[in-house]
Each structure stands twice: as structure tokens, then as C-alpha cells.
């Protein structure tokens, strides 16, 4: 059974930094696209950053220059380094990955980790 387990959320003051991690486990053959999404109260879930297997990246405009997505394919892990955090970054952050396993190729989600930025 494939799982994505996130860690690294918490409470931080505006201007601070946090690093999120998301590790995939299970009988995995390969991991294609990986991404971080977020959902603030009363808002739709939005894509924050994505990264391909060969590390091409894309970012939400509002986080460009502040957030960095990276991955370690050997560890089946994706990271999100968040710098210069703002109160509007407060949300539950979810990792997402397209994983090929014995169950075929499917989209998986982590359980979510809360990030709260105080002003």
C-alpha cells in the first residue's frame, strides 16, 4: 500500500521559514510528478509548486522567489522550503505524487500539515 507522509508544519512568525517534507512508502516502481498544494479556510485547494522527475519546477506566482521545491528520488521524498513567510501563506499543505506501483499508476495525497504564519 502506497502512502505519503508529511512533516514539518507548524507555527511561525511572519518573515520566518519552514521546511516541509513528504516521503512516499510502499511497493513503488517509480514516482513521476510531485507537488505541494495548500488549502486555506473557505478557499479552494491551490497548487503551490510542482516538480518533475528530472527536477523541472513550477510555482504559484505569489510564492515565486520565496519557496523552493526539491526532491530526492533515492529517498522518494519531496521538500518545500518556505522562506519569508506571510500570514496569507497560512493553510493546510498537502503533498501530491503520481506513483507507479503494483496497483498501477495513481495519484496519491498526503494527510496534510498545518502551516500557520502569525503577523
C-alpha atoms as a PDB file:
ATOM      1  CA  UNK A   1       0.000   0.000   0.000  1.00  0.00           C
ATOM      2  CA  UNK A   2       1.423   3.340  -1.080  1.00  0.00           C
ATOM      3  CA  UNK A   3       1.418   6.176   1.425  1.00  0.00           C
ATOM      4  CA  UNK A   4       2.594   9.781   1.510  1.00  0.00           C
ATOM      5  CA  UNK A   5       3.576  11.046   4.955  1.00  0.00           C
ATOM      6  CA  UNK A   6       4.177  14.747   5.508  1.00  0.00           C
ATOM      7  CA  UNK A   7       6.080  16.520   8.255  1.00  0.00           C
ATOM      8  CA  UNK A   8       7.441  19.948   9.069  1.00  0.00           C
ATOM      9  CA  UNK A   9       4.416  22.164   9.519  1.00  0.00           C
ATOM     10  CA  UNK A  10       3.908  24.450  12.485  1.00  0.00           C
ATOM     11  CA  UNK A  11       3.525  27.981  13.757  1.00  0.00           C
ATOM     12  CA  UNK A  12       5.984  30.660  12.646  1.00  0.00           C
ATOM     13  CA  UNK A  13       6.127  34.441  12.713  1.00  0.00           C
ATOM     14  CA  UNK A  14       5.889  36.454   9.526  1.00  0.00           C
ATOM     15  CA  UNK A  15       9.254  36.570   7.806  1.00  0.00           C
ATOM     16  CA  UNK A  16      10.263  33.190   9.180  1.00  0.00           C
ATOM     17  CA  UNK A  17      10.955  29.896   7.442  1.00  0.00           C
ATOM     18  CA  UNK A  18       9.685  26.346   7.487  1.00  0.00           C
ATOM     19  CA  UNK A  19      10.663  23.225   5.589  1.00  0.00           C
ATOM     20  CA  UNK A  20       8.041  20.635   4.696  1.00  0.00           C
ATOM     21  CA  UNK A  21       8.905  17.047   3.820  1.00  0.00           C
ATOM     22  CA  UNK A  22       6.806  14.333   2.235  1.00  0.00           C
ATOM     23  CA  UNK A  23       8.034  10.750   1.996  1.00  0.00           C
ATOM     24  CA  UNK A  24       6.448   8.067  -0.124  1.00  0.00           C
ATOM     25  CA  UNK A  25       6.465   4.469   1.053  1.00  0.00           C
ATOM     26  CA  UNK A  26       5.195   1.142  -0.181  1.00  0.00           C
ATOM     27  CA  UNK A  27       5.887  -1.115  -3.123  1.00  0.00           C
ATOM     28  CA  UNK A  28       6.824   1.713  -5.517  1.00  0.00           C
ATOM     29  CA  UNK A  29       8.231   1.253  -9.014  1.00  0.00           C
ATOM     30  CA  UNK A  30       8.633   4.931  -9.876  1.00  0.00           C
ATOM     31  CA  UNK A  31       7.416   8.411  -8.961  1.00  0.00           C
ATOM     32  CA  UNK A  32       6.668  10.904 -11.697  1.00  0.00           C
ATOM     33  CA  UNK A  33       5.345  14.363 -10.902  1.00  0.00           C
ATOM     34  CA  UNK A  34       5.377  15.541  -7.273  1.00  0.00           C
ATOM     35  CA  UNK A  35       3.753  18.678  -5.943  1.00  0.00           C
ATOM     36  CA  UNK A  36       2.626  20.701  -2.946  1.00  0.00           C
ATOM     37  CA  UNK A  37      -0.890  22.125  -2.703  1.00  0.00           C
ATOM     38  CA  UNK A  38      -2.468  24.212   0.012  1.00  0.00           C
ATOM     39  CA  UNK A  39      -5.959  24.978   1.201  1.00  0.00           C
ATOM     40  CA  UNK A  40      -6.857  27.899   3.402  1.00  0.00           C
ATOM     41  CA  UNK A  41     -10.189  28.036   5.290  1.00  0.00           C
ATOM     42  CA  UNK A  42     -13.020  28.875   2.935  1.00  0.00           C
ATOM     43  CA  UNK A  43     -10.827  28.692  -0.143  1.00  0.00           C
ATOM     44  CA  UNK A  44     -10.195  26.141  -2.851  1.00  0.00           C
ATOM     45  CA  UNK A  45      -7.124  23.966  -2.844  1.00  0.00           C
ATOM     46  CA  UNK A  46      -4.396  25.519  -4.991  1.00  0.00           C
ATOM     47  CA  UNK A  47      -1.144  24.299  -6.499  1.00  0.00           C
ATOM     48  CA  UNK A  48       1.822  25.868  -4.736  1.00  0.00           C
ATOM     49  CA  UNK A  49       4.717  24.177  -6.525  1.00  0.00           C
ATOM     50  CA  UNK A  50       5.389  21.174  -8.714  1.00  0.00           C
ATOM     51  CA  UNK A  51       8.479  19.239  -9.759  1.00  0.00           C
ATOM     52  CA  UNK A  52       9.034  16.647 -12.459  1.00  0.00           C
ATOM     53  CA  UNK A  53      11.175  13.551 -12.109  1.00  0.00           C
ATOM     54  CA  UNK A  54      14.066  15.419 -13.774  1.00  0.00           C
ATOM     55  CA  UNK A  55      13.546  18.388 -11.407  1.00  0.00           C
ATOM     56  CA  UNK A  56      11.842  20.890 -13.658  1.00  0.00           C
ATOM     57  CA  UNK A  57       9.787  23.141 -11.393  1.00  0.00           C
ATOM     58  CA  UNK A  58       6.817  25.461 -11.489  1.00  0.00           C
ATOM     59  CA  UNK A  59       5.430  27.789  -8.819  1.00  0.00           C
ATOM     60  CA  UNK A  60       2.340  29.742  -7.849  1.00  0.00           C
ATOM     61  CA  UNK A  61       3.096  33.372  -8.682  1.00  0.00           C
ATOM     62  CA  UNK A  62       2.696  34.546  -5.075  1.00  0.00           C
ATOM     63  CA  UNK A  63       5.410  32.180  -3.796  1.00  0.00           C
ATOM     64  CA  UNK A  64       7.996  32.665  -6.549  1.00  0.00           C
ATOM     65  CA  UNK A  65      11.310  33.763  -5.072  1.00  0.00           C
ATOM     66  CA  UNK A  66      10.252  32.673  -1.563  1.00  0.00           C
ATOM     67  CA  UNK A  67       9.520  28.928  -1.810  1.00  0.00           C
ATOM     68  CA  UNK A  68      11.744  26.218  -3.252  1.00  0.00           C
ATOM     69  CA  UNK A  69      10.547  22.730  -4.160  1.00  0.00           C
ATOM     70  CA  UNK A  70      13.049  19.901  -4.445  1.00  0.00           C
ATOM     71  CA  UNK A  71      13.073  16.121  -4.425  1.00  0.00           C
ATOM     72  CA  UNK A  72      15.339  13.229  -3.549  1.00  0.00           C
ATOM     73  CA  UNK A  73      14.426  10.350  -5.843  1.00  0.00           C
ATOM     74  CA  UNK A  74      16.541   7.862  -3.886  1.00  0.00           C
ATOM     75  CA  UNK A  75      14.538   8.670  -0.755  1.00  0.00           C
ATOM     76  CA  UNK A  76      11.202   9.035  -2.577  1.00  0.00           C
ATOM     77  CA  UNK A  77      10.822  12.388  -0.828  1.00  0.00           C
ATOM     78  CA  UNK A  78       9.745  15.856  -1.890  1.00  0.00           C
ATOM     79  CA  UNK A  79      10.541  19.002   0.072  1.00  0.00           C
ATOM     80  CA  UNK A  80       9.183  22.530   0.218  1.00  0.00           C
ATOM     81  CA  UNK A  81      11.481  25.166   1.676  1.00  0.00           C
ATOM     82  CA  UNK A  82       9.344  28.157   2.590  1.00  0.00           C
ATOM     83  CA  UNK A  83      11.098  31.453   3.312  1.00  0.00           C
ATOM     84  CA  UNK A  84       9.851  34.975   4.017  1.00  0.00           C
ATOM     85  CA  UNK A  85       6.534  33.535   5.124  1.00  0.00           C
ATOM     86  CA  UNK A  86       3.465  35.773   5.164  1.00  0.00           C
ATOM     87  CA  UNK A  87       0.185  35.475   7.072  1.00  0.00           C
ATOM     88  CA  UNK A  88      -1.541  34.755   3.748  1.00  0.00           C
ATOM     89  CA  UNK A  89       0.563  31.566   3.445  1.00  0.00           C
ATOM     90  CA  UNK A  90      -1.424  30.119   6.352  1.00  0.00           C
ATOM     91  CA  UNK A  91      -3.106  26.930   5.154  1.00  0.00           C
ATOM     92  CA  UNK A  92      -3.078  23.164   5.309  1.00  0.00           C
ATOM     93  CA  UNK A  93      -0.359  21.982   2.947  1.00  0.00           C
ATOM     94  CA  UNK A  94      -0.768  18.697   1.081  1.00  0.00           C
ATOM     95  CA  UNK A  95       1.760  16.778  -0.948  1.00  0.00           C
ATOM     96  CA  UNK A  96       0.709  15.003  -4.100  1.00  0.00           C
ATOM     97  CA  UNK A  97       2.514  12.474  -6.249  1.00  0.00           C
ATOM     98  CA  UNK A  98       1.881  10.398  -9.331  1.00  0.00           C
ATOM     99  CA  UNK A  99       3.197   6.974  -8.377  1.00  0.00           C
ATOM    100  CA  UNK A 100       3.542   3.772 -10.331  1.00  0.00           C
ATOM    101  CA  UNK A 101       3.245   0.729  -8.113  1.00  0.00           C
ATOM    102  CA  UNK A 102       1.879  -2.786  -8.254  1.00  0.00           C
ATOM    103  CA  UNK A 103      -1.543  -1.107  -8.193  1.00  0.00           C
ATOM    104  CA  UNK A 104      -0.789   0.689 -11.446  1.00  0.00           C
ATOM    105  CA  UNK A 105      -0.226   4.435 -11.955  1.00  0.00           C
ATOM    106  CA  UNK A 106      -2.232   6.527  -9.500  1.00  0.00           C
ATOM    107  CA  UNK A 107      -2.393   9.929  -7.872  1.00  0.00           C
ATOM    108  CA  UNK A 108      -1.741   9.957  -4.124  1.00  0.00           C
ATOM    109  CA  UNK A 109      -2.212  12.609  -1.427  1.00  0.00           C
ATOM    110  CA  UNK A 110      -0.661  13.141   1.961  1.00  0.00           C
ATOM    111  CA  UNK A 111      -2.747  13.725   5.072  1.00  0.00           C
ATOM    112  CA  UNK A 112      -1.941  17.431   5.184  1.00  0.00           C
ATOM    113  CA  UNK A 113       0.156  19.508   7.552  1.00  0.00           C
ATOM    114  CA  UNK A 114      -0.910  22.819   9.071  1.00  0.00           C
ATOM    115  CA  UNK A 115       1.222  25.897   8.457  1.00  0.00           C
ATOM    116  CA  UNK A 116       0.270  28.976  10.462  1.00  0.00           C
ATOM    117  CA  UNK A 117       2.029  32.300   9.974  1.00  0.00           C
ATOM    118  CA  UNK A 118       1.381  34.939  12.610  1.00  0.00           C
ATOM    119  CA  UNK A 119       1.659  38.651  11.892  1.00  0.00           C
END
